[in-house]
Amino acid sequence: QYIPTNFTVLPLQPNGTSPVELLSGSEIPLWYGRSAQFAQPKAYFLCALDTAEVSRNATHYAMSELFSLAVTDALEETTALASLAGMDYDFSTTSTGFEMSVSGYSDTLQELL
């Protein structure tokens, strides 16, 4: 399910500028940028959930770390299979909340999300 079949690479922007904001003025910014050096059909998705509760005190931060470890452990079987197909996943605690990143072939990235 994670093995890509479509290796089409999107064209560069006419003026060569990158990245381009796809959703401007939105609460959730969305950017697109293609590597001019490496024409590969790969994508990178980053989602940050900011919450002041994580850094409220040491106990909250420790509990947030445990939550991140529990999420990572629960998804281990799925992410191990995706890793074999050249995909990567990370869920971690930051000083401002949580961060999730997914990267790999754009054809099957949504399968891991």
PDB file of N, CA and C in Angstrom:
ATOM      1  N   GLN A   1       0.807  -1.197   0.000  1.00  0.00           N
ATOM      2  CA  GLN A   1       0.000   0.000   0.000  1.00  0.00           C
ATOM      3  C   GLN A   1       0.853   1.266   0.000  1.00  0.00           C
ATOM      4  N   TYR A   2       2.115   1.184   0.406  1.00  0.00           N
ATOM      5  CA  TYR A   2       2.979   2.360   0.440  1.00  0.00           C
ATOM      6  C   TYR A   2       3.932   2.448  -0.757  1.00  0.00           C
ATOM      7  N   ILE A   3       3.904   1.470  -1.629  1.00  0.00           N
ATOM      8  CA  ILE A   3       4.804   1.473  -2.775  1.00  0.00           C
ATOM      9  C   ILE A   3       4.227   2.401  -3.850  1.00  0.00           C
ATOM     10  N   PRO A   4       4.981   3.436  -4.248  1.00  0.00           N
ATOM     11  CA  PRO A   4       4.463   4.399  -5.226  1.00  0.00           C
ATOM     12  C   PRO A   4       4.411   3.823  -6.635  1.00  0.00           C
ATOM     13  N   THR A   5       3.461   4.324  -7.413  1.00  0.00           N
ATOM     14  CA  THR A   5       3.350   3.931  -8.822  1.00  0.00           C
ATOM     15  C   THR A   5       3.412   5.142  -9.741  1.00  0.00           C
ATOM     16  N   ASN A   6       3.161   6.338  -9.212  1.00  0.00           N
ATOM     17  CA  ASN A   6       3.183   7.567 -10.004  1.00  0.00           C
ATOM     18  C   ASN A   6       4.429   8.367  -9.632  1.00  0.00           C
ATOM     19  N   PHE A   7       5.334   8.522 -10.594  1.00  0.00           N
ATOM     20  CA  PHE A   7       6.581   9.238 -10.349  1.00  0.00           C
ATOM     21  C   PHE A   7       6.639  10.572 -11.087  1.00  0.00           C
ATOM     22  N   THR A   8       5.474  11.154 -11.377  1.00  0.00           N
ATOM     23  CA  THR A   8       5.399  12.435 -12.064  1.00  0.00           C
ATOM     24  C   THR A   8       5.923  13.532 -11.152  1.00  0.00           C
ATOM     25  N   VAL A   9       6.770  14.398 -11.703  1.00  0.00           N
ATOM     26  CA  VAL A   9       7.319  15.521 -10.956  1.00  0.00           C
ATOM     27  C   VAL A   9       6.626  16.789 -11.434  1.00  0.00           C
ATOM     28  N   LEU A  10       6.119  17.581 -10.502  1.00  0.00           N
ATOM     29  CA  LEU A  10       5.455  18.832 -10.855  1.00  0.00           C
ATOM     30  C   LEU A  10       6.476  19.805 -11.444  1.00  0.00           C
ATOM     31  N   PRO A  11       6.058  20.635 -12.400  1.00  0.00           N
ATOM     32  CA  PRO A  11       7.007  21.569 -13.032  1.00  0.00           C
ATOM     33  C   PRO A  11       7.420  22.685 -12.070  1.00  0.00           C
ATOM     34  N   LEU A  12       8.570  23.277 -12.350  1.00  0.00           N
ATOM     35  CA  LEU A  12       9.018  24.443 -11.595  1.00  0.00           C
ATOM     36  C   LEU A  12       8.115  25.622 -11.909  1.00  0.00           C
ATOM     37  N   GLN A  13       8.053  26.565 -10.984  1.00  0.00           N
ATOM     38  CA  GLN A  13       7.296  27.786 -11.226  1.00  0.00           C
ATOM     39  C   GLN A  13       7.957  28.554 -12.372  1.00  0.00           C
ATOM     40  N   PRO A  14       7.182  29.238 -13.210  1.00  0.00           N
ATOM     41  CA  PRO A  14       7.747  29.950 -14.365  1.00  0.00           C
ATOM     42  C   PRO A  14       8.864  30.924 -14.004  1.00  0.00           C
ATOM     43  N   ASN A  15       8.717  31.634 -12.902  1.00  0.00           N
ATOM     44  CA  ASN A  15       9.738  32.614 -12.531  1.00  0.00           C
ATOM     45  C   ASN A  15      10.831  32.011 -11.652  1.00  0.00           C
ATOM     46  N   GLY A  16      10.716  30.709 -11.363  1.00  0.00           N
ATOM     47  CA  GLY A  16      11.738  30.016 -10.602  1.00  0.00           C
ATOM     48  C   GLY A  16      11.700  30.261  -9.106  1.00  0.00           C
ATOM     49  N   THR A  17      10.712  31.023  -8.633  1.00  0.00           N
ATOM     50  CA  THR A  17      10.645  31.279  -7.199  1.00  0.00           C
ATOM     51  C   THR A  17      10.024  30.087  -6.487  1.00  0.00           C
ATOM     52  N   SER A  18      10.519  29.837  -5.312  1.00  0.00           N
ATOM     53  CA  SER A  18      10.013  28.734  -4.517  1.00  0.00           C
ATOM     54  C   SER A  18      10.324  29.039  -3.062  1.00  0.00           C
ATOM     55  N   PRO A  19       9.498  28.745  -2.145  1.00  0.00           N
ATOM     56  CA  PRO A  19       8.183  28.136  -2.267  1.00  0.00           C
ATOM     57  C   PRO A  19       7.083  29.151  -2.580  1.00  0.00           C
ATOM     58  N   VAL A  20       5.926  28.624  -2.920  1.00  0.00           N
ATOM     59  CA  VAL A  20       4.760  29.448  -3.246  1.00  0.00           C
ATOM     60  C   VAL A  20       3.690  29.150  -2.198  1.00  0.00           C
ATOM     61  N   GLU A  21       3.092  30.195  -1.642  1.00  0.00           N
ATOM     62  CA  GLU A  21       2.031  30.014  -0.659  1.00  0.00           C
ATOM     63  C   GLU A  21       0.737  29.680  -1.395  1.00  0.00           C
ATOM     64  N   LEU A  22       0.199  28.481  -1.140  1.00  0.00           N
ATOM     65  CA  LEU A  22      -1.023  28.042  -1.810  1.00  0.00           C
ATOM     66  C   LEU A  22      -2.274  28.563  -1.120  1.00  0.00           C
ATOM     67  N   LEU A  23      -2.251  28.641   0.200  1.00  0.00           N
ATOM     68  CA  LEU A  23      -3.372  29.187   0.965  1.00  0.00           C
ATOM     69  C   LEU A  23      -2.882  30.421   1.697  1.00  0.00           C
ATOM     70  N   SER A  24      -3.148  31.581   1.153  1.00  0.00           N
ATOM     71  CA  SER A  24      -2.708  32.808   1.819  1.00  0.00           C
ATOM     72  C   SER A  24      -3.838  33.357   2.677  1.00  0.00           C
ATOM     73  N   GLY A  25      -3.455  33.973   3.776  1.00  0.00           N
ATOM     74  CA  GLY A  25      -4.447  34.555   4.675  1.00  0.00           C
ATOM     75  C   GLY A  25      -5.239  33.520   5.438  1.00  0.00           C
ATOM     76  N   SER A  26      -4.777  32.297   5.447  1.00  0.00           N
ATOM     77  CA  SER A  26      -5.485  31.222   6.123  1.00  0.00           C
ATOM     78  C   SER A  26      -4.933  31.025   7.533  1.00  0.00           C
ATOM     79  N   GLU A  27      -5.737  30.441   8.396  1.00  0.00           N
ATOM     80  CA  GLU A  27      -5.275  30.079   9.736  1.00  0.00           C
ATOM     81  C   GLU A  27      -4.196  29.003   9.659  1.00  0.00           C
ATOM     82  N   ILE A  28      -4.286  28.183   8.618  1.00  0.00           N
ATOM     83  CA  ILE A  28      -3.319  27.109   8.410  1.00  0.00           C
ATOM     84  C   ILE A  28      -2.596  27.387   7.100  1.00  0.00           C
ATOM     85  N   PRO A  29      -1.363  27.905   7.176  1.00  0.00           N
ATOM     86  CA  PRO A  29      -0.650  28.203   5.928  1.00  0.00           C
ATOM     87  C   PRO A  29      -0.250  26.932   5.189  1.00  0.00           C
ATOM     88  N   LEU A  30      -0.325  26.987   3.858  1.00  0.00           N
ATOM     89  CA  LEU A  30       0.053  25.853   3.021  1.00  0.00           C
ATOM     90  C   LEU A  30       0.990  26.357   1.935  1.00  0.00           C
ATOM     91  N   TRP A  31       2.181  25.752   1.863  1.00  0.00           N
ATOM     92  CA  TRP A  31       3.201  26.175   0.920  1.00  0.00           C
ATOM     93  C   TRP A  31       3.563  25.025   0.006  1.00  0.00           C
ATOM     94  N   TYR A  32       3.969  25.368  -1.210  1.00  0.00           N
ATOM     95  CA  TYR A  32       4.485  24.387  -2.161  1.00  0.00           C
ATOM     96  C   TYR A  32       5.818  24.888  -2.686  1.00  0.00           C
ATOM     97  N   GLY A  33       6.786  23.999  -2.692  1.00  0.00           N
ATOM     98  CA  GLY A  33       8.077  24.351  -3.264  1.00  0.00           C
ATOM     99  C   GLY A  33       8.726  23.101  -3.821  1.00  0.00           C
ATOM    100  N   ARG A  34       9.261  23.199  -5.010  1.00  0.00           N
ATOM    101  CA  ARG A  34       9.920  22.058  -5.632  1.00  0.00           C
ATOM    102  C   ARG A  34      11.415  22.292  -5.651  1.00  0.00           C
ATOM    103  N   SER A  35      12.153  21.270  -5.382  1.00  0.00           N
ATOM    104  CA  SER A  35      13.599  21.358  -5.427  1.00  0.00           C
ATOM    105  C   SER A  35      14.045  21.492  -6.881  1.00  0.00           C
ATOM    106  N   ALA A  36      14.785  22.543  -7.172  1.00  0.00           N
ATOM    107  CA  ALA A  36      15.304  22.733  -8.527  1.00  0.00           C
ATOM    108  C   ALA A  36      16.498  21.818  -8.791  1.00  0.00           C
ATOM    109  N   GLN A  37      17.121  21.360  -7.724  1.00  0.00           N
ATOM    110  CA  GLN A  37      18.310  20.539  -7.871  1.00  0.00           C
ATOM    111  C   GLN A  37      17.978  19.053  -8.011  1.00  0.00           C
ATOM    112  N   PHE A  38      17.033  18.581  -7.221  1.00  0.00           N
ATOM    113  CA  PHE A  38      16.692  17.164  -7.233  1.00  0.00           C
ATOM    114  C   PHE A  38      15.252  16.997  -7.699  1.00  0.00           C
ATOM    115  N   ALA A  39      15.049  16.595  -8.919  1.00  0.00           N
ATOM    116  CA  ALA A  39      13.700  16.411  -9.462  1.00  0.00           C
ATOM    117  C   ALA A  39      13.188  15.032  -9.064  1.00  0.00           C
ATOM    118  N   GLN A  40      12.673  14.952  -7.839  1.00  0.00           N
ATOM    119  CA  GLN A  40      12.149  13.696  -7.326  1.00  0.00           C
ATOM    120  C   GLN A  40      10.695  13.890  -6.912  1.00  0.00           C
ATOM    121  N   PRO A  41       9.885  12.864  -7.096  1.00  0.00           N
ATOM    122  CA  PRO A  41       8.464  12.961  -6.721  1.00  0.00           C
ATOM    123  C   PRO A  41       8.263  12.701  -5.226  1.00  0.00           C
ATOM    124  N   LYS A  42       8.902  13.506  -4.396  1.00  0.00           N
ATOM    125  CA  LYS A  42       8.805  13.325  -2.948  1.00  0.00           C
ATOM    126  C   LYS A  42       8.174  14.553  -2.319  1.00  0.00           C
ATOM    127  N   ALA A  43       7.561  14.330  -1.178  1.00  0.00           N
ATOM    128  CA  ALA A  43       6.891  15.414  -0.464  1.00  0.00           C
ATOM    129  C   ALA A  43       7.264  15.354   1.009  1.00  0.00           C
ATOM    130  N   TYR A  44       7.090  16.490   1.678  1.00  0.00           N
ATOM    131  CA  TYR A  44       7.352  16.609   3.107  1.00  0.00           C
ATOM    132  C   TYR A  44       6.175  17.351   3.709  1.00  0.00           C
ATOM    133  N   PHE A  45       5.584  16.765   4.745  1.00  0.00           N
ATOM    134  CA  PHE A  45       4.424  17.359   5.412  1.00  0.00           C
ATOM    135  C   PHE A  45       4.801  17.582   6.866  1.00  0.00           C
ATOM    136  N   LEU A  46       4.577  18.794   7.355  1.00  0.00           N
ATOM    137  CA  LEU A  46       4.870  19.134   8.745  1.00  0.00           C
ATOM    138  C   LEU A  46       3.650  19.792   9.348  1.00  0.00           C
ATOM    139  N   CYS A  47       3.247  19.294  10.494  1.00  0.00           N
ATOM    140  CA  CYS A  47       2.093  19.851  11.202  1.00  0.00           C
ATOM    141  C   CYS A  47       2.513  20.117  12.642  1.00  0.00           C
ATOM    142  N   ALA A  48       2.336  21.359  13.080  1.00  0.00           N
ATOM    143  CA  ALA A  48       2.674  21.726  14.450  1.00  0.00           C
ATOM    144  C   ALA A  48       1.392  22.091  15.195  1.00  0.00           C
ATOM    145  N   LEU A  49       1.221  21.501  16.360  1.00  0.00           N
ATOM    146  CA  LEU A  49       0.086  21.807  17.226  1.00  0.00           C
ATOM    147  C   LEU A  49       0.641  22.561  18.424  1.00  0.00           C
ATOM    148  N   ASP A  50       0.401  23.848  18.462  1.00  0.00           N
ATOM    149  CA  ASP A  50       0.928  24.671  19.543  1.00  0.00           C
ATOM    150  C   ASP A  50      -0.058  24.729  20.699  1.00  0.00           C
ATOM    151  N   THR A  51       0.459  24.479  21.895  1.00  0.00           N
ATOM    152  CA  THR A  51      -0.347  24.569  23.096  1.00  0.00           C
ATOM    153  C   THR A  51       0.539  24.982  24.262  1.00  0.00           C
ATOM    154  N   ALA A  52       0.080  25.923  25.040  1.00  0.00           N
ATOM    155  CA  ALA A  52       0.853  26.413  26.182  1.00  0.00           C
ATOM    156  C   ALA A  52       0.924  25.375  27.307  1.00  0.00           C
ATOM    157  N   GLU A  53       0.057  24.387  27.272  1.00  0.00           N
ATOM    158  CA  GLU A  53       0.006  23.389  28.345  1.00  0.00           C
ATOM    159  C   GLU A  53       1.286  22.566  28.441  1.00  0.00           C
ATOM    160  N   VAL A  54       1.964  22.357  27.304  1.00  0.00           N
ATOM    161  CA  VAL A  54       3.175  21.537  27.312  1.00  0.00           C
ATOM    162  C   VAL A  54       4.251  22.157  28.194  1.00  0.00           C
ATOM    163  N   SER A  55       4.429  23.449  28.099  1.00  0.00           N
ATOM    164  CA  SER A  55       5.502  24.107  28.842  1.00  0.00           C
ATOM    165  C   SER A  55       5.035  24.769  30.139  1.00  0.00           C
ATOM    166  N   ARG A  56       3.850  24.412  30.581  1.00  0.00           N
ATOM    167  CA  ARG A  56       3.320  25.016  31.811  1.00  0.00           C
ATOM    168  C   ARG A  56       4.202  24.695  33.008  1.00  0.00           C
ATOM    169  N   ASN A  57       4.631  23.436  33.112  1.00  0.00           N
ATOM    170  CA  ASN A  57       5.544  23.038  34.185  1.00  0.00           C
ATOM    171  C   ASN A  57       6.216  21.718  33.795  1.00  0.00           C
ATOM    172  N   ALA A  58       7.116  21.249  34.624  1.00  0.00           N
ATOM    173  CA  ALA A  58       7.890  20.040  34.312  1.00  0.00           C
ATOM    174  C   ALA A  58       6.989  18.809  34.200  1.00  0.00           C
ATOM    175  N   THR A  59       5.970  18.736  35.012  1.00  0.00           N
ATOM    176  CA  THR A  59       5.056  17.590  34.970  1.00  0.00           C
ATOM    177  C   THR A  59       4.318  17.537  33.636  1.00  0.00           C
ATOM    178  N   HIS A  60       3.835  18.674  33.176  1.00  0.00           N
ATOM    179  CA  HIS A  60       3.124  18.712  31.889  1.00  0.00           C
ATOM    180  C   HIS A  60       4.054  18.331  30.742  1.00  0.00           C
ATOM    181  N   TYR A  61       5.295  18.813  30.800  1.00  0.00           N
ATOM    182  CA  TYR A  61       6.232  18.476  29.737  1.00  0.00           C
ATOM    183  C   TYR A  61       6.543  16.978  29.745  1.00  0.00           C
ATOM    184  N   ALA A  62       6.745  16.412  30.935  1.00  0.00           N
ATOM    185  CA  ALA A  62       7.017  14.969  31.046  1.00  0.00           C
ATOM    186  C   ALA A  62       5.828  14.155  30.538  1.00  0.00           C
ATOM    187  N   MET A  63       4.621  14.579  30.869  1.00  0.00           N
ATOM    188  CA  MET A  63       3.427  13.861  30.395  1.00  0.00           C
ATOM    189  C   MET A  63       3.287  13.991  28.884  1.00  0.00           C
ATOM    190  N   SER A  64       3.659  15.140  28.338  1.00  0.00           N
ATOM    191  CA  SER A  64       3.620  15.338  26.890  1.00  0.00           C
ATOM    192  C   SER A  64       4.625  14.435  26.193  1.00  0.00           C
ATOM    193  N   GLU A  65       5.802  14.287  26.777  1.00  0.00           N
ATOM    194  CA  GLU A  65       6.811  13.363  26.242  1.00  0.00           C
ATOM    195  C   GLU A  65       6.293  11.931  26.255  1.00  0.00           C
ATOM    196  N   LEU A  66       5.646  11.533  27.350  1.00  0.00           N
ATOM    197  CA  LEU A  66       5.072  10.182  27.436  1.00  0.00           C
ATOM    198  C   LEU A  66       3.990   9.985  26.375  1.00  0.00           C
ATOM    199  N   PHE A  67       3.183  11.014  26.144  1.00  0.00           N
ATOM    200  CA  PHE A  67       2.154  10.939  25.115  1.00  0.00           C
ATOM    201  C   PHE A  67       2.799  10.738  23.740  1.00  0.00           C
ATOM    202  N   SER A  68       3.852  11.502  23.445  1.00  0.00           N
ATOM    203  CA  SER A  68       4.550  11.362  22.158  1.00  0.00           C
ATOM    204  C   SER A  68       5.110   9.952  21.995  1.00  0.00           C
ATOM    205  N   LEU A  69       5.692   9.413  23.050  1.00  0.00           N
ATOM    206  CA  LEU A  69       6.231   8.051  22.997  1.00  0.00           C
ATOM    207  C   LEU A  69       5.124   7.020  22.782  1.00  0.00           C
ATOM    208  N   ALA A  70       3.974   7.243  23.418  1.00  0.00           N
ATOM    209  CA  ALA A  70       2.845   6.318  23.264  1.00  0.00           C
ATOM    210  C   ALA A  70       2.308   6.345  21.831  1.00  0.00           C
ATOM    211  N   VAL A  71       2.209   7.540  21.231  1.00  0.00           N
ATOM    212  CA  VAL A  71       1.750   7.659  19.845  1.00  0.00           C
ATOM    213  C   VAL A  71       2.735   6.958  18.912  1.00  0.00           C
ATOM    214  N   THR A  72       4.020   7.221  19.100  1.00  0.00           N
ATOM    215  CA  THR A  72       5.053   6.604  18.264  1.00  0.00           C
ATOM    216  C   THR A  72       5.023   5.092  18.397  1.00  0.00           C
ATOM    217  N   ASP A  73       4.865   4.596  19.611  1.00  0.00           N
ATOM    218  CA  ASP A  73       4.806   3.147  19.841  1.00  0.00           C
ATOM    219  C   ASP A  73       3.567   2.529  19.199  1.00  0.00           C
ATOM    220  N   ALA A  74       2.433   3.206  19.304  1.00  0.00           N
ATOM    221  CA  ALA A  74       1.182   2.685  18.737  1.00  0.00           C
ATOM    222  C   ALA A  74       1.243   2.595  17.207  1.00  0.00           C
ATOM    223  N   LEU A  75       2.028   3.472  16.589  1.00  0.00           N
ATOM    224  CA  LEU A  75       2.119   3.495  15.131  1.00  0.00           C
ATOM    225  C   LEU A  75       3.338   2.752  14.598  1.00  0.00           C
ATOM    226  N   GLU A  76       4.067   2.060  15.458  1.00  0.00           N
ATOM    227  CA  GLU A  76       5.313   1.408  15.062  1.00  0.00           C
ATOM    228  C   GLU A  76       5.134   0.412  13.918  1.00  0.00           C
ATOM    229  N   GLU A  77       4.124  -0.421  13.980  1.00  0.00           N
ATOM    230  CA  GLU A  77       3.917  -1.429  12.932  1.00  0.00           C
ATOM    231  C   GLU A  77       3.634  -0.771  11.581  1.00  0.00           C
ATOM    232  N   THR A  78       2.773   0.223  11.587  1.00  0.00           N
ATOM    233  CA  THR A  78       2.427   0.923  10.349  1.00  0.00           C
ATOM    234  C   THR A  78       3.624   1.678   9.785  1.00  0.00           C
ATOM    235  N   THR A  79       4.334   2.397  10.639  1.00  0.00           N
ATOM    236  CA  THR A  79       5.451   3.198  10.158  1.00  0.00           C
ATOM    237  C   THR A  79       6.628   2.329   9.733  1.00  0.00           C
ATOM    238  N   ALA A  80       6.769   1.145  10.300  1.00  0.00           N
ATOM    239  CA  ALA A  80       7.841   0.235   9.878  1.00  0.00           C
ATOM    240  C   ALA A  80       7.607  -0.220   8.437  1.00  0.00           C
ATOM    241  N   LEU A  81       6.373  -0.521   8.099  1.00  0.00           N
ATOM    242  CA  LEU A  81       6.041  -0.917   6.722  1.00  0.00           C
ATOM    243  C   LEU A  81       6.267   0.240   5.759  1.00  0.00           C
ATOM    244  N   ALA A  82       5.878   1.437   6.162  1.00  0.00           N
ATOM    245  CA  ALA A  82       6.066   2.609   5.314  1.00  0.00           C
ATOM    246  C   ALA A  82       7.556   2.911   5.128  1.00  0.00           C
ATOM    247  N   SER A  83       8.332   2.681   6.147  1.00  0.00           N
ATOM    248  CA  SER A  83       9.773   2.918   6.068  1.00  0.00           C
ATOM    249  C   SER A  83      10.425   2.035   5.004  1.00  0.00           C
ATOM    250  N   LEU A  84       9.937   0.828   4.867  1.00  0.00           N
ATOM    251  CA  LEU A  84      10.462  -0.072   3.838  1.00  0.00           C
ATOM    252  C   LEU A  84      10.198   0.457   2.427  1.00  0.00           C
ATOM    253  N   ALA A  85       9.178   1.293   2.285  1.00  0.00           N
ATOM    254  CA  ALA A  85       8.831   1.879   0.985  1.00  0.00           C
ATOM    255  C   ALA A  85       9.429   3.276   0.811  1.00  0.00           C
ATOM    256  N   GLY A  86      10.376   3.656   1.672  1.00  0.00           N
ATOM    257  CA  GLY A  86      11.055   4.941   1.528  1.00  0.00           C
ATOM    258  C   GLY A  86      10.353   6.115   2.156  1.00  0.00           C
ATOM    259  N   MET A  87       9.483   5.855   3.140  1.00  0.00           N
ATOM    260  CA  MET A  87       8.771   6.933   3.802  1.00  0.00           C
ATOM    261  C   MET A  87       9.287   7.086   5.226  1.00  0.00           C
ATOM    262  N   ASP A  88       9.048   8.260   5.822  1.00  0.00           N
ATOM    263  CA  ASP A  88       9.500   8.518   7.178  1.00  0.00           C
ATOM    264  C   ASP A  88       8.405   9.253   7.933  1.00  0.00           C
ATOM    265  N   TYR A  89       8.358   9.031   9.257  1.00  0.00           N
ATOM    266  CA  TYR A  89       7.326   9.615  10.101  1.00  0.00           C
ATOM    267  C   TYR A  89       7.956   9.983  11.443  1.00  0.00           C
ATOM    268  N   ASP A  90       7.527  11.099  12.019  1.00  0.00           N
ATOM    269  CA  ASP A  90       8.001  11.478  13.343  1.00  0.00           C
ATOM    270  C   ASP A  90       6.887  12.211  14.072  1.00  0.00           C
ATOM    271  N   PHE A  91       6.719  11.886  15.327  1.00  0.00           N
ATOM    272  CA  PHE A  91       5.791  12.599  16.201  1.00  0.00           C
ATOM    273  C   PHE A  91       6.566  12.924  17.463  1.00  0.00           C
ATOM    274  N   SER A  92       6.651  14.205  17.803  1.00  0.00           N
ATOM    275  CA  SER A  92       7.482  14.577  18.945  1.00  0.00           C
ATOM    276  C   SER A  92       6.899  15.756  19.702  1.00  0.00           C
ATOM    277  N   THR A  93       7.416  15.918  20.915  1.00  0.00           N
ATOM    278  CA  THR A  93       7.054  17.047  21.759  1.00  0.00           C
ATOM    279  C   THR A  93       8.060  18.159  21.519  1.00  0.00           C
ATOM    280  N   THR A  94       7.569  19.374  21.400  1.00  0.00           N
ATOM    281  CA  THR A  94       8.448  20.537  21.286  1.00  0.00           C
ATOM    282  C   THR A  94       8.179  21.453  22.472  1.00  0.00           C
ATOM    283  N   SER A  95       8.928  22.513  22.589  1.00  0.00           N
ATOM    284  CA  SER A  95       8.726  23.448  23.703  1.00  0.00           C
ATOM    285  C   SER A  95       7.398  24.195  23.587  1.00  0.00           C
ATOM    286  N   THR A  96       6.802  24.171  22.391  1.00  0.00           N
ATOM    287  CA  THR A  96       5.535  24.887  22.180  1.00  0.00           C
ATOM    288  C   THR A  96       4.344  23.966  21.934  1.00  0.00           C
ATOM    289  N   GLY A  97       4.543  22.654  21.962  1.00  0.00           N
ATOM    290  CA  GLY A  97       3.440  21.725  21.723  1.00  0.00           C
ATOM    291  C   GLY A  97       3.919  20.418  21.132  1.00  0.00           C
ATOM    292  N   PHE A  98       3.275  20.019  20.053  1.00  0.00           N
ATOM    293  CA  PHE A  98       3.600  18.758  19.383  1.00  0.00           C
ATOM    294  C   PHE A  98       3.881  19.024  17.910  1.00  0.00           C
ATOM    295  N   GLU A  99       4.673  18.140  17.318  1.00  0.00           N
ATOM    296  CA  GLU A  99       5.002  18.277  15.908  1.00  0.00           C
ATOM    297  C   GLU A  99       4.964  16.901  15.256  1.00  0.00           C
ATOM    298  N   MET A 100       4.316  16.845  14.095  1.00  0.00           N
ATOM    299  CA  MET A 100       4.264  15.616  13.322  1.00  0.00           C
ATOM    300  C   MET A 100       4.812  15.900  11.938  1.00  0.00           C
ATOM    301  N   SER A 101       5.701  15.046  11.476  1.00  0.00           N
ATOM    302  CA  SER A 101       6.206  15.191  10.121  1.00  0.00           C
ATOM    303  C   SER A 101       6.120  13.854   9.402  1.00  0.00           C
ATOM    304  N   VAL A 102       5.814  13.937   8.123  1.00  0.00           N
ATOM    305  CA  VAL A 102       5.723  12.758   7.263  1.00  0.00           C
ATOM    306  C   VAL A 102       6.435  13.113   5.969  1.00  0.00           C
ATOM    307  N   SER A 103       7.273  12.226   5.479  1.00  0.00           N
ATOM    308  CA  SER A 103       7.957  12.482   4.218  1.00  0.00           C
ATOM    309  C   SER A 103       8.065  11.188   3.424  1.00  0.00           C
ATOM    310  N   GLY A 104       8.167  11.345   2.120  1.00  0.00           N
ATOM    311  CA  GLY A 104       8.287  10.186   1.248  1.00  0.00           C
ATOM    312  C   GLY A 104       7.750  10.513  -0.136  1.00  0.00           C
ATOM    313  N   TYR A 105       7.439   9.485  -0.894  1.00  0.00           N
ATOM    314  CA  TYR A 105       6.922   9.676  -2.250  1.00  0.00           C
ATOM    315  C   TYR A 105       5.538  10.299  -2.203  1.00  0.00           C
ATOM    316  N   SER A 106       5.350  11.359  -2.983  1.00  0.00           N
ATOM    317  CA  SER A 106       4.099  12.101  -2.950  1.00  0.00           C
ATOM    318  C   SER A 106       2.893  11.257  -3.380  1.00  0.00           C
ATOM    319  N   ASP A 107       3.132  10.227  -4.164  1.00  0.00           N
ATOM    320  CA  ASP A 107       2.050   9.371  -4.641  1.00  0.00           C
ATOM    321  C   ASP A 107       1.349   8.632  -3.501  1.00  0.00           C
ATOM    322  N   THR A 108       2.090   8.256  -2.465  1.00  0.00           N
ATOM    323  CA  THR A 108       1.506   7.449  -1.392  1.00  0.00           C
ATOM    324  C   THR A 108       1.579   8.130  -0.023  1.00  0.00           C
ATOM    325  N   LEU A 109       1.946   9.392   0.018  1.00  0.00           N
ATOM    326  CA  LEU A 109       2.084  10.088   1.292  1.00  0.00           C
ATOM    327  C   LEU A 109       0.774  10.120   2.064  1.00  0.00           C
ATOM    328  N   GLN A 110      -0.331  10.315   1.367  1.00  0.00           N
ATOM    329  CA  GLN A 110      -1.627  10.378   2.045  1.00  0.00           C
ATOM    330  C   GLN A 110      -1.989   9.054   2.732  1.00  0.00           C
ATOM    331  N   GLU A 111      -1.427   7.956   2.281  1.00  0.00           N
ATOM    332  CA  GLU A 111      -1.689   6.668   2.924  1.00  0.00           C
ATOM    333  C   GLU A 111      -1.141   6.655   4.351  1.00  0.00           C
ATOM    334  N   LEU A 112       0.004   7.271   4.541  1.00  0.00           N
ATOM    335  CA  LEU A 112       0.611   7.322   5.870  1.00  0.00           C
ATOM    336  C   LEU A 112      -0.036   8.359   6.746  1.00  0.00           C
ATOM    337  N   LEU A 113      -0.545   9.441   6.150  1.00  0.00           N
ATOM    338  CA  LEU A 113      -1.222  10.471   6.935  1.00  0.00           C
ATOM    339  C   LEU A 113      -2.516   9.916   7.490  1.00  0.00           C
TER     340      LEU A 113
END
